């Protein structure tokens, strides 16, 4: 436990801190919460209130939300969350109210205890997701199931932000331990060697953290390698002005975070400029796919955890919520049962770094500017097409038949959303398929594949008898279906509330064309 130090004593403490550790090159943003935009301050306060209520004063960690469903959540549902505790610590140091510094230090020390330090393992340098989950061990240990290597950079970049922005608000010995933990995380990632520059959201954060560690440590080898990594990530993006994880409501938000780290803290003008430039491109792409009246991004989604950002927390929605008031943002009113609630706890990072869309993109996020088609090349083999209409949005990904949609994949190659008469969002998407092409042309979606596809459909007020092979009469939308399918089946889906969700199967399909008409 340490004391809050007012006035001139803060400067003395900062000088003492500088005397025991080398300083990094990054400049703090000096964000004043009292003066930031009300939308950003509003979501920060909501997130902090949520984390305050989740804090466990005995374990010094935040508890897992009651309704949590999330990424690689083995062993965490009834326990505590390590990464999210580091998020809370950043928020506490930003808020800096009575007792906040002490609580932040307690949380950071608890997080540090969960780092894997055995150099002989491939998970060296990452962190447990929860202290309740068993230690990974033995030859049958599986990445993602038994440990998450990405916690190295999620927690590491949070440490980076704290060490840049608030070194005087934490004890000097704690700061030293955090610097060491970052070095261990980088060393572990280098040793494992599993990460590539194509893995955009993690590659961006890794580039930021590696640059920070190399600069702080005055490590010339790391400096050279991190700079080459950053250049390669940027080069890959600019091939088509797209990331491989294309149009993801969750991972675009992490991409924006990584890019904001580059433009805010990058040690060179080249890195800062690359971050700003790609960030502007990405915001413009998001704005082109976004329908502000439906408060959702049109698909297709290479990785998605949901189909309606009004009902679950998506990182991209969190960034947009920091720019817009709650009634205009693609964001739920969060409570303990909100899906992916813990992603709300990323708000301190968003608010501190600040959303920075171009003026034209911000205008599109605020007001619908008219119906339009969007077409983008993603890679040599993949392209996206979307219709952003006034009442319905469609998205499709043509993969040149190189990608499939296996059971419960995050890949959504064909998507549709509209607003039902009840006011909620209705949607459907291709849930399972063999290798697939989906092409959208205005209100028509053409599916090309060879086998069985399953479409997941949800709309409040839907009835089983209104779904036939050739036509769907949905609340607020009609869909005509043509194709060479041999078999057709409809089942109630247990994934969502009964009577509102169905799984529609078309078997032995080569071509299937869906045309939507808003009612």
Protein backbone atom coordinates (compact mmCIF):
# COMPACT_ATOMS: atom_id res chain seq x y z
CA UNK A 1 0.00 0.00 0.00
CA UNK A 2 1.25 3.49 -0.77
CA UNK A 3 0.18 7.05 -0.04
CA UNK A 4 -1.22 9.64 -2.42
CA UNK A 5 1.38 12.42 -2.70
CA UNK A 6 0.07 15.94 -3.34
CA UNK A 7 1.71 18.99 -4.86
CA UNK A 8 5.47 19.31 -5.17
CA UNK A 9 5.99 15.90 -3.62
CA UNK A 10 4.59 14.36 -6.84
CA UNK A 11 7.49 15.87 -8.76
CA UNK A 12 9.95 14.52 -6.21
CA UNK A 13 8.40 11.05 -6.54
CA UNK A 14 8.59 11.24 -10.33
CA UNK A 15 12.29 12.19 -10.14
CA UNK A 16 12.91 9.28 -7.80
CA UNK A 17 11.16 6.95 -10.23
CA UNK A 18 13.26 8.23 -13.12
CA UNK A 19 16.43 7.61 -11.12
CA UNK A 20 15.76 3.88 -10.80
CA UNK A 21 14.58 3.08 -14.35
CA UNK A 22 15.35 4.25 -17.90
CA UNK A 23 12.65 6.41 -19.47
CA UNK A 24 10.79 5.63 -22.68
CA UNK A 25 10.45 8.00 -25.61
CA UNK A 26 6.62 8.18 -25.73
CA UNK A 27 4.73 11.27 -24.58
CA UNK A 28 1.70 11.11 -22.30
CA UNK A 29 -1.60 12.44 -23.65
CA UNK A 30 -2.53 14.13 -20.36
CA UNK A 31 -6.25 13.50 -20.81
CA UNK A 32 -8.47 15.53 -18.48
CA UNK A 33 -11.65 13.55 -17.88
CA UNK A 34 -13.50 16.68 -16.85
CA UNK A 35 -12.96 18.23 -20.29
CA UNK A 36 -13.50 15.33 -22.69
CA UNK A 37 -16.56 14.90 -24.90
CA UNK A 38 -19.69 13.95 -22.90
CA UNK A 39 -20.18 10.76 -24.94
CA UNK A 40 -16.67 9.55 -24.12
CA UNK A 41 -17.02 10.53 -20.47
CA UNK A 42 -20.41 8.83 -20.30
CA UNK A 43 -19.17 5.44 -21.49
CA UNK A 44 -16.08 5.71 -19.28
CA UNK A 45 -18.27 6.29 -16.22
CA UNK A 46 -20.57 3.40 -17.15
CA UNK A 47 -17.60 1.06 -17.55
CA UNK A 48 -16.02 2.15 -14.28
CA UNK A 49 -19.28 1.69 -12.38
CA UNK A 50 -19.55 -1.81 -13.82
CA UNK A 51 -15.97 -2.67 -12.86
CA UNK A 52 -16.35 -1.11 -9.41
CA UNK A 53 -19.25 -3.50 -8.77
CA UNK A 54 -17.21 -6.47 -10.05
CA UNK A 55 -14.16 -5.77 -7.85
CA UNK A 56 -13.27 -8.47 -5.33
CA UNK A 57 -11.38 -6.77 -2.47
CA UNK A 58 -10.05 -10.09 -1.18
CA UNK A 59 -8.68 -11.48 -4.46
CA UNK A 60 -7.80 -8.01 -5.86
CA UNK A 61 -9.30 -9.00 -9.20
CA UNK A 62 -12.57 -8.27 -11.00
CA UNK A 63 -15.16 -11.03 -10.96
CA UNK A 64 -16.46 -12.59 -14.15
CA UNK A 65 -19.83 -11.01 -15.13
CA UNK A 66 -22.86 -13.16 -14.42
CA UNK A 67 -23.94 -13.51 -18.05
CA UNK A 68 -20.46 -13.61 -19.53
CA UNK A 69 -19.82 -15.38 -22.80
CA UNK A 70 -16.57 -14.54 -24.42
CA UNK A 71 -13.35 -15.48 -26.08
CA UNK A 72 -11.71 -18.70 -24.85
CA UNK A 73 -13.60 -18.53 -21.57
CA UNK A 74 -12.65 -21.97 -20.22
CA UNK A 75 -12.44 -21.86 -16.45
CA UNK A 76 -13.54 -18.24 -16.10
CA UNK A 77 -17.31 -18.34 -15.91
CA UNK A 78 -17.48 -18.59 -12.12
CA UNK A 79 -14.20 -16.92 -11.27
CA UNK A 80 -12.12 -13.83 -11.83
CA UNK A 81 -10.64 -12.12 -14.88
CA UNK A 82 -6.95 -11.26 -15.15
CA UNK A 83 -6.80 -9.21 -18.35
CA UNK A 84 -9.88 -7.22 -17.39
CA UNK A 85 -8.34 -6.39 -14.01
CA UNK A 86 -5.50 -4.63 -15.82
CA UNK A 87 -8.15 -2.67 -17.76
CA UNK A 88 -9.73 -1.67 -14.47
CA UNK A 89 -6.36 -0.56 -13.08
CA UNK A 90 -5.89 1.78 -16.04
CA UNK A 91 -9.35 3.22 -15.48
CA UNK A 92 -8.69 3.71 -11.77
CA UNK A 93 -5.49 5.63 -12.48
CA UNK A 94 -7.34 7.77 -15.01
CA UNK A 95 -10.17 8.54 -12.59
CA UNK A 96 -7.73 9.04 -9.69
CA UNK A 97 -10.39 9.33 -7.00
CA UNK A 98 -9.99 8.52 -3.31
CA UNK A 99 -8.49 5.06 -2.97
CA UNK A 100 -8.16 4.53 -6.72
CA UNK A 101 -4.36 4.45 -6.77
CA UNK A 102 -4.22 1.92 -3.98
CA UNK A 103 -6.79 -0.32 -5.64
CA UNK A 104 -5.01 -0.06 -8.99
CA UNK A 105 -1.74 -1.17 -7.39
CA UNK A 106 -3.48 -4.12 -5.73
CA UNK A 107 -4.99 -5.17 -9.05
CA UNK A 108 -1.74 -4.80 -11.00
CA UNK A 109 0.18 -6.86 -8.46
CA UNK A 110 -2.51 -9.57 -8.67
CA UNK A 111 -2.24 -9.58 -12.48
CA UNK A 112 1.55 -9.86 -12.34
CA UNK A 113 1.25 -13.00 -10.21
CA UNK A 114 -0.60 -14.71 -13.08
CA UNK A 115 2.18 -14.42 -15.68
CA UNK A 116 3.73 -17.72 -16.79
CA UNK A 117 7.49 -17.57 -16.14
CA UNK A 118 8.69 -21.06 -17.12
CA UNK A 119 10.92 -20.44 -20.15
CA UNK A 120 10.74 -24.08 -21.22
CA UNK A 121 7.03 -23.78 -22.19
CA UNK A 122 5.45 -22.31 -25.29
CA UNK A 123 3.10 -20.27 -23.10
CA UNK A 124 6.03 -18.49 -21.45
CA UNK A 125 5.26 -14.80 -20.95
CA UNK A 126 1.48 -14.93 -21.33
CA UNK A 127 -0.97 -14.75 -18.43
CA UNK A 128 -3.66 -16.97 -17.00
CA UNK A 129 -7.10 -15.86 -18.05
CA UNK A 130 -8.31 -16.60 -14.55
CA UNK A 131 -6.56 -17.84 -11.40
CA UNK A 132 -9.29 -20.50 -11.16
CA UNK A 133 -8.34 -22.26 -14.41
CA UNK A 134 -5.81 -25.10 -14.19
CA UNK A 135 -2.21 -24.53 -15.22
CA UNK A 136 -1.41 -25.63 -18.75
CA UNK A 137 0.84 -28.66 -18.54
CA UNK A 138 1.97 -31.62 -20.59
CA UNK A 139 2.04 -32.58 -24.24
CA UNK A 140 -1.75 -32.38 -24.58
CA UNK A 141 -1.90 -28.67 -23.78
CA UNK A 142 -3.83 -26.88 -26.53
CA UNK A 143 -3.49 -23.20 -27.39
CA UNK A 144 -6.77 -21.26 -26.88
CA UNK A 145 -8.32 -24.13 -24.91
CA UNK A 146 -5.72 -24.25 -22.10
CA UNK A 147 -4.07 -20.84 -22.46
CA UNK A 148 -4.35 -17.69 -24.56
CA UNK A 149 -1.07 -16.35 -25.98
CA UNK A 150 -2.75 -13.06 -26.89
CA UNK A 151 -2.94 -12.07 -23.21
CA UNK A 152 0.76 -11.15 -23.59
CA UNK A 153 -0.10 -8.15 -25.73
CA UNK A 154 -3.52 -7.28 -24.31
CA UNK A 155 -2.10 -6.98 -20.79
CA UNK A 156 1.29 -5.77 -22.01
CA UNK A 157 -0.14 -2.81 -23.92
CA UNK A 158 -2.26 -1.88 -20.89
CA UNK A 159 0.93 -1.88 -18.80
CA UNK A 160 2.53 0.26 -21.53
CA UNK A 161 -0.23 2.86 -21.31
CA UNK A 162 0.02 3.03 -17.52
CA UNK A 163 3.81 3.39 -17.59
CA UNK A 164 3.59 6.19 -20.14
CA UNK A 165 0.59 8.04 -18.75
CA UNK A 166 0.67 7.54 -14.98
CA UNK A 167 4.11 6.45 -13.72
CA UNK A 168 3.83 8.85 -10.77
CA UNK A 169 0.56 7.24 -9.66
CA UNK A 170 2.04 3.80 -9.01
CA UNK A 171 4.91 2.73 -6.70
CA UNK A 172 8.38 2.62 -8.29
CA UNK A 173 8.87 -1.07 -7.51
CA UNK A 174 5.55 -1.92 -9.18
CA UNK A 175 6.57 0.01 -12.30
CA UNK A 176 9.80 -1.97 -12.48
CA UNK A 177 7.89 -5.25 -12.25
CA UNK A 178 5.60 -4.12 -15.07
CA UNK A 179 8.55 -3.23 -17.30
CA UNK A 180 10.01 -6.68 -16.62
CA UNK A 181 6.67 -8.36 -17.36
CA UNK A 182 6.55 -6.62 -20.75
CA UNK A 183 10.06 -7.85 -21.57
CA UNK A 184 9.05 -11.39 -20.60
CA UNK A 185 5.91 -11.14 -22.75
CA UNK A 186 7.95 -10.04 -25.79
CA UNK A 187 10.56 -12.74 -25.20
CA UNK A 188 7.83 -15.36 -24.86
CA UNK A 189 6.12 -14.27 -28.08
CA UNK A 190 9.43 -14.35 -29.95
CA UNK A 191 10.19 -17.80 -28.55
CA UNK A 192 6.80 -19.25 -29.45
CA UNK A 193 7.01 -17.82 -32.97
CA UNK A 194 3.33 -18.41 -33.74
CA UNK A 195 2.37 -14.82 -34.61
CA UNK A 196 2.38 -13.46 -38.17
CA UNK A 197 1.83 -9.88 -39.44
CA UNK A 198 -1.39 -11.08 -41.12
CA UNK A 199 -3.07 -11.60 -37.70
CA UNK A 200 -4.03 -7.96 -37.72
CA UNK A 201 -5.42 -7.09 -34.30
CA UNK A 202 -2.68 -8.93 -32.38
CA UNK A 203 0.03 -7.92 -34.86
CA UNK A 204 -0.80 -4.23 -34.36
CA UNK A 205 -0.64 -4.49 -30.56
CA UNK A 206 2.52 -6.57 -30.72
CA UNK A 207 4.20 -3.96 -32.92
CA UNK A 208 3.29 -1.23 -30.44
CA UNK A 209 4.48 -3.19 -27.41
CA UNK A 210 7.69 -4.41 -29.06
CA UNK A 211 8.56 -0.85 -30.11
CA UNK A 212 7.89 0.38 -26.58
CA UNK A 213 10.04 -2.32 -24.96
CA UNK A 214 12.89 -1.88 -27.46
CA UNK A 215 12.95 1.88 -26.92
CA UNK A 216 12.74 1.64 -23.15
CA UNK A 217 15.44 -1.06 -22.95
CA UNK A 218 17.65 0.59 -25.57
CA UNK A 219 17.72 -2.81 -27.26
CA UNK A 220 19.06 -2.23 -30.76
CA UNK A 221 18.16 -5.71 -32.02
CA UNK A 222 14.57 -5.44 -30.82
CA UNK A 223 14.39 -1.92 -32.20
CA UNK A 224 15.40 -3.10 -35.67
CA UNK A 225 13.08 -6.12 -35.61
CA UNK A 226 10.09 -4.23 -34.23
CA UNK A 227 10.47 -1.52 -36.88
CA UNK A 228 10.56 -4.19 -39.60
CA UNK A 229 7.45 -5.81 -38.09
CA UNK A 230 5.55 -2.51 -38.09
CA UNK A 231 6.50 -1.84 -41.71
CA UNK A 232 5.34 -5.31 -42.78
CA UNK A 233 1.97 -4.98 -41.01
CA UNK A 234 1.49 -1.62 -42.73
CA UNK A 235 2.61 -2.99 -46.11
CA UNK A 236 0.13 -5.85 -45.93
CA UNK A 237 -2.69 -3.46 -45.10
CA UNK A 238 -1.92 -1.17 -48.02
CA UNK A 239 -2.00 -4.00 -50.58
CA UNK A 240 -5.78 -3.54 -50.65
CA UNK A 241 -6.35 -1.08 -47.78
CA UNK A 242 -7.81 -3.97 -45.79
CA UNK A 243 -6.97 -6.32 -42.95
CA UNK A 244 -7.32 -10.10 -43.34
CA UNK A 245 -9.78 -10.10 -40.42
CA UNK A 246 -12.12 -8.05 -42.56
CA UNK A 247 -15.10 -6.07 -41.30
CA UNK A 248 -15.26 -7.49 -37.79
CA UNK A 249 -17.48 -5.68 -35.26
CA UNK A 250 -15.19 -6.91 -32.48
CA UNK A 251 -11.73 -7.04 -34.01
CA UNK A 252 -11.95 -3.77 -35.93
CA UNK A 253 -12.21 -2.21 -32.48
CA UNK A 254 -8.96 -3.91 -31.43
CA UNK A 255 -7.37 -2.80 -34.71
CA UNK A 256 -8.34 0.78 -33.89
CA UNK A 257 -6.70 0.35 -30.48
CA UNK A 258 -3.45 -0.94 -31.97
CA UNK A 259 -3.37 1.86 -34.52
CA UNK A 260 -4.06 4.45 -31.82
CA UNK A 261 -1.08 3.08 -29.89
CA UNK A 262 1.07 3.53 -32.99
CA UNK A 263 -0.02 7.10 -33.65
CA UNK A 264 0.09 8.12 -29.97
CA UNK A 265 3.19 6.37 -28.64
CA UNK A 266 5.25 5.17 -31.63
CA UNK A 267 8.93 5.94 -31.15
CA UNK A 268 9.44 7.20 -34.72
CA UNK A 269 7.63 9.64 -36.96
CA UNK A 270 7.27 6.83 -39.52
CA UNK A 271 5.38 4.63 -37.06
CA UNK A 272 3.16 7.45 -35.82
CA UNK A 273 2.33 8.48 -39.38
CA UNK A 274 1.57 4.89 -40.39
CA UNK A 275 -0.79 4.54 -37.44
CA UNK A 276 -2.63 7.76 -38.25
CA UNK A 277 -2.89 6.95 -41.95
CA UNK A 278 -4.23 3.41 -41.56
CA UNK A 279 -6.53 4.52 -38.75
CA UNK A 280 -8.13 7.11 -41.05
CA UNK A 281 -8.56 4.50 -43.81
CA UNK A 282 -10.13 2.04 -41.39
CA UNK A 283 -12.58 4.59 -39.99
CA UNK A 284 -13.61 5.51 -43.54
CA UNK A 285 -14.24 1.84 -44.36
CA UNK A 286 -16.28 1.39 -41.17
CA UNK A 287 -18.37 4.44 -42.04
CA UNK A 288 -19.09 3.15 -45.55
CA UNK A 289 -20.51 -0.12 -44.16
CA UNK A 290 -22.37 1.51 -41.26
CA UNK A 291 -26.11 2.23 -41.24
CA UNK A 292 -26.78 4.75 -38.44
CA UNK A 293 -30.56 4.21 -38.38
CA UNK A 294 -30.09 0.45 -37.92
CA UNK A 295 -27.04 1.08 -35.71
CA UNK A 296 -25.11 -1.82 -37.25
CA UNK A 297 -22.34 -2.54 -39.72
CA UNK A 298 -23.39 -4.33 -42.89
CA UNK A 299 -21.58 -7.65 -43.35
CA UNK A 300 -19.85 -9.77 -44.39
CA UNK A 301 -17.95 -10.46 -41.17
CA UNK A 302 -14.75 -12.48 -41.19
CA UNK A 303 -14.98 -12.70 -37.39
CA UNK A 304 -18.07 -11.84 -35.41
CA UNK A 305 -19.58 -12.70 -32.05
CA UNK A 306 -23.05 -11.44 -32.88
CA UNK A 307 -25.37 -9.95 -35.47
CA UNK A 308 -26.78 -6.97 -33.61
CA UNK A 309 -24.52 -4.45 -31.87
CA UNK A 310 -27.57 -3.05 -30.07
CA UNK A 311 -27.66 -6.22 -27.97
CA UNK A 312 -24.02 -7.14 -27.27
CA UNK A 313 -20.78 -5.29 -26.59
CA UNK A 314 -18.53 -5.12 -29.65
CA UNK A 315 -15.24 -3.23 -29.51
CA UNK A 316 -16.07 -1.33 -32.72
CA UNK A 317 -19.39 -0.33 -31.15
CA UNK A 318 -17.51 0.85 -28.08
CA UNK A 319 -15.35 3.18 -30.17
CA UNK A 320 -18.42 4.58 -31.94
CA UNK A 321 -20.23 4.94 -28.59
CA UNK A 322 -17.35 7.15 -27.39
CA UNK A 323 -18.24 9.50 -30.26
CA UNK A 324 -22.04 9.39 -30.13
CA UNK A 325 -24.72 9.73 -27.43
CA UNK A 326 -26.31 6.46 -26.25
CA UNK A 327 -29.50 6.86 -28.28
CA UNK A 328 -27.48 7.08 -31.50
CA UNK A 329 -24.72 4.52 -30.87
CA UNK A 330 -24.49 0.80 -31.84
CA UNK A 331 -24.30 -0.22 -28.22
CA UNK A 332 -26.61 -1.85 -25.65
CA UNK A 333 -27.68 -0.40 -22.33
CA UNK A 334 -25.39 -2.72 -20.37
CA UNK A 335 -26.40 -4.78 -17.37
CA UNK A 336 -24.99 -7.85 -15.64
CA UNK A 337 -26.44 -10.18 -18.29
CA UNK A 338 -25.30 -8.28 -21.39
CA UNK A 339 -23.43 -10.53 -23.82
CA UNK A 340 -19.69 -9.79 -23.86
CA UNK A 341 -20.15 -7.31 -21.02
CA UNK A 342 -16.47 -7.56 -20.10
CA UNK A 343 -15.57 -5.94 -23.43
CA UNK A 344 -17.19 -2.78 -22.04
CA UNK A 345 -14.29 -2.72 -19.60
CA UNK A 346 -12.00 -1.73 -22.47
CA UNK A 347 -13.52 1.77 -22.33
CA UNK A 348 -10.56 3.36 -20.43
CA UNK A 349 -8.25 2.53 -23.36
CA UNK A 350 -10.69 3.98 -25.89
CA UNK A 351 -11.30 7.17 -23.92
CA UNK A 352 -7.64 7.76 -23.11
CA UNK A 353 -6.39 7.28 -26.68
CA UNK A 354 -9.42 9.00 -28.22
CA UNK A 355 -11.35 8.07 -31.36
CA UNK A 356 -10.00 9.97 -34.35
CA UNK A 357 -12.17 9.41 -37.46
CA UNK A 358 -11.94 11.77 -40.45
CA UNK A 359 -14.69 14.39 -40.54
CA UNK A 360 -16.43 12.72 -43.50
CA UNK A 361 -16.47 9.36 -41.72
CA UNK A 362 -17.83 10.90 -38.52
CA UNK A 363 -20.64 12.53 -40.48
CA UNK A 364 -21.64 9.12 -41.92
CA UNK A 365 -21.65 7.61 -38.43
CA UNK A 366 -24.05 10.32 -37.26
CA UNK A 367 -26.50 10.54 -40.17
CA UNK A 368 -27.57 8.23 -42.99
CA UNK A 369 -26.34 9.77 -46.24
CA UNK A 370 -28.29 7.60 -48.66
CA UNK A 371 -28.52 4.09 -50.05
CA UNK A 372 -25.32 2.77 -51.60
CA UNK A 373 -23.33 -0.29 -52.66
CA UNK A 374 -19.92 -1.03 -51.17
CA UNK A 375 -17.37 -3.23 -52.94
CA UNK A 376 -13.92 -4.01 -51.57
CA UNK A 377 -11.05 -6.33 -52.43
CA UNK A 378 -9.75 -8.01 -49.26
CA UNK A 379 -6.99 -10.29 -50.57
CA UNK A 380 -6.11 -11.80 -53.94
CA UNK A 381 -8.83 -14.41 -53.44
CA UNK A 382 -11.43 -12.60 -51.38
CA UNK A 383 -13.74 -9.63 -51.94
CA UNK A 384 -16.67 -8.09 -50.09
CA UNK A 385 -19.90 -6.58 -51.38
CA UNK A 386 -22.59 -4.87 -49.33
CA UNK A 387 -25.86 -3.05 -49.83
CA UNK A 388 -26.45 -0.30 -47.27
CA UNK A 389 -30.12 0.51 -47.77
CA UNK A 390 -32.50 2.75 -45.89
CA UNK A 391 -34.33 -0.21 -44.30
CA UNK A 392 -32.13 -3.27 -44.83
CA UNK A 393 -28.42 -4.01 -45.08
CA UNK A 394 -26.87 -7.02 -46.82
CA UNK A 395 -23.31 -8.29 -46.98
CA UNK A 396 -21.48 -11.03 -48.83
CA UNK A 397 -17.94 -12.35 -49.19
CA UNK A 398 -16.71 -13.98 -52.39
CA UNK A 399 -13.82 -16.28 -51.44
CA UNK A 400 -13.25 -17.85 -54.88
CA UNK A 401 -14.47 -20.97 -53.08
CA UNK A 402 -11.44 -21.01 -50.76
CA UNK A 403 -13.25 -20.56 -47.41
CA UNK A 404 -15.98 -22.50 -45.70
CA UNK A 405 -18.15 -21.86 -42.64
CA UNK A 406 -17.80 -24.81 -40.26
CA UNK A 407 -20.02 -25.34 -37.22
CA UNK A 408 -20.10 -22.25 -34.94
CA UNK A 409 -17.43 -20.43 -36.90
CA UNK A 410 -16.94 -16.70 -36.44
CA UNK A 411 -17.01 -16.34 -40.26
CA UNK A 412 -20.32 -14.88 -41.50
CA UNK A 413 -20.06 -14.94 -45.32
CA UNK A 414 -23.63 -13.78 -46.01
CA UNK A 415 -25.58 -11.43 -43.72
CA UNK A 416 -28.75 -9.33 -43.54
CA UNK A 417 -30.20 -6.98 -40.91
CA UNK A 418 -33.34 -4.86 -40.74
CA UNK A 419 -35.58 -3.29 -38.09
CA UNK A 420 -38.73 -5.25 -37.24
CA UNK A 421 -42.10 -3.65 -36.37
CA UNK A 422 -41.28 -4.21 -32.69
CA UNK A 423 -38.28 -1.90 -33.04
CA UNK A 424 -35.67 -4.63 -32.54
CA UNK A 425 -33.21 -5.74 -35.20
CA UNK A 426 -34.06 -8.82 -37.25
CA UNK A 427 -31.25 -10.67 -38.97
CA UNK A 428 -30.12 -13.77 -40.81
CA UNK A 429 -26.73 -15.07 -41.86
CA UNK A 430 -25.07 -18.09 -43.44
CA UNK A 431 -24.08 -20.06 -40.35
CA UNK A 432 -22.64 -23.23 -41.88
CA UNK A 433 -21.52 -24.06 -45.41
CA UNK A 434 -18.91 -25.78 -47.55
CA UNK A 435 -16.51 -23.53 -49.46
CA UNK A 436 -18.63 -20.57 -50.46
CA UNK A 437 -19.03 -17.42 -52.50
CA UNK A 438 -21.64 -14.85 -51.52
CA UNK A 439 -22.18 -11.84 -53.78
CA UNK A 440 -24.54 -8.97 -53.03
CA UNK A 441 -26.08 -6.67 -55.64
CA UNK A 442 -28.42 -4.16 -54.04
CA UNK A 443 -31.23 -6.21 -52.43
CA UNK A 444 -30.14 -9.55 -53.92
CA UNK A 445 -27.79 -12.08 -52.31
CA UNK A 446 -26.39 -14.86 -54.52
CA UNK A 447 -24.84 -17.90 -52.82
CA UNK A 448 -22.57 -20.30 -54.69
CA UNK A 449 -21.37 -23.50 -53.00
CA UNK A 450 -21.48 -27.27 -53.32
CA UNK A 451 -23.34 -28.98 -50.51
CA UNK A 452 -25.51 -28.06 -47.55
CA UNK A 453 -25.88 -24.58 -46.07
CA UNK A 454 -27.55 -23.62 -42.81
CA UNK A 455 -28.92 -20.11 -42.33
CA UNK A 456 -29.55 -18.81 -38.84
CA UNK A 457 -32.51 -16.42 -38.62
CA UNK A 458 -33.82 -14.28 -35.79
CA UNK A 459 -36.68 -11.76 -35.76
CA UNK A 460 -39.10 -10.86 -32.99
CA UNK A 461 -42.56 -12.16 -33.81
CA UNK A 462 -41.44 -14.72 -36.39
CA UNK A 463 -43.57 -17.84 -36.94
CA UNK A 464 -42.46 -21.24 -38.21
CA UNK A 465 -45.27 -21.46 -40.76
CA UNK A 466 -44.09 -18.25 -42.44
CA UNK A 467 -40.82 -19.86 -43.57
CA UNK A 468 -41.10 -21.91 -46.77
CA UNK A 469 -38.44 -23.11 -49.19
CA UNK A 470 -39.22 -20.44 -51.78
CA UNK A 471 -40.31 -17.55 -49.55
CA UNK A 472 -39.97 -16.20 -46.02
CA UNK A 473 -42.62 -13.82 -44.68
CA UNK A 474 -40.73 -12.18 -41.82
CA UNK A 475 -41.72 -9.32 -39.51
CA UNK A 476 -40.76 -6.25 -41.55
CA UNK A 477 -39.13 -8.16 -44.42
CA UNK A 478 -40.05 -10.64 -47.13
CA UNK A 479 -37.46 -12.90 -48.77
CA UNK A 480 -37.88 -14.78 -52.04
CA UNK A 481 -35.58 -17.77 -52.55
CA UNK A 482 -34.61 -19.45 -55.82
CA UNK A 483 -32.10 -22.25 -56.30
CA UNK A 484 -31.33 -25.84 -57.18
CA UNK A 485 -31.64 -27.18 -53.64
CA UNK A 486 -32.97 -30.72 -53.28
CA UNK A 487 -34.04 -30.61 -49.63
CA UNK A 488 -35.33 -28.00 -47.20
CA UNK A 489 -35.75 -28.04 -43.41
CA UNK A 490 -36.61 -25.55 -40.67
CA UNK A 491 -35.91 -26.11 -36.99
CA UNK A 492 -36.31 -23.91 -33.96
CA UNK A 493 -32.93 -22.76 -32.77
CA UNK A 494 -32.02 -23.11 -29.12
CA UNK A 495 -29.24 -20.57 -29.51
CA UNK A 496 -31.66 -17.70 -28.95
CA UNK A 497 -35.05 -17.27 -27.32
CA UNK A 498 -37.60 -19.84 -28.47
CA UNK A 499 -39.98 -18.86 -31.30
CA UNK A 500 -37.74 -15.98 -32.32
CA UNK A 501 -34.90 -17.97 -33.89
CA UNK A 502 -34.71 -20.70 -36.52
CA UNK A 503 -32.09 -22.71 -38.38
CA UNK A 504 -32.97 -23.08 -42.07
CA UNK A 505 -31.22 -25.83 -44.03
CA UNK A 506 -30.92 -26.05 -47.82
CA UNK A 507 -29.27 -29.30 -48.90
CA UNK A 508 -27.31 -30.17 -52.06
CA UNK A 509 -27.04 -26.54 -53.10
CA UNK A 510 -25.02 -25.17 -56.01
CA UNK A 511 -26.80 -21.84 -56.46
CA UNK A 512 -29.16 -20.04 -54.10
CA UNK A 513 -30.48 -16.53 -54.68
CA UNK A 514 -32.23 -14.55 -51.93
CA UNK A 515 -34.00 -11.30 -52.74
CA UNK A 516 -35.18 -9.14 -49.83
CA UNK A 517 -38.01 -6.63 -49.82
CA UNK A 518 -38.56 -4.39 -46.77
CA UNK A 519 -42.20 -4.12 -45.69
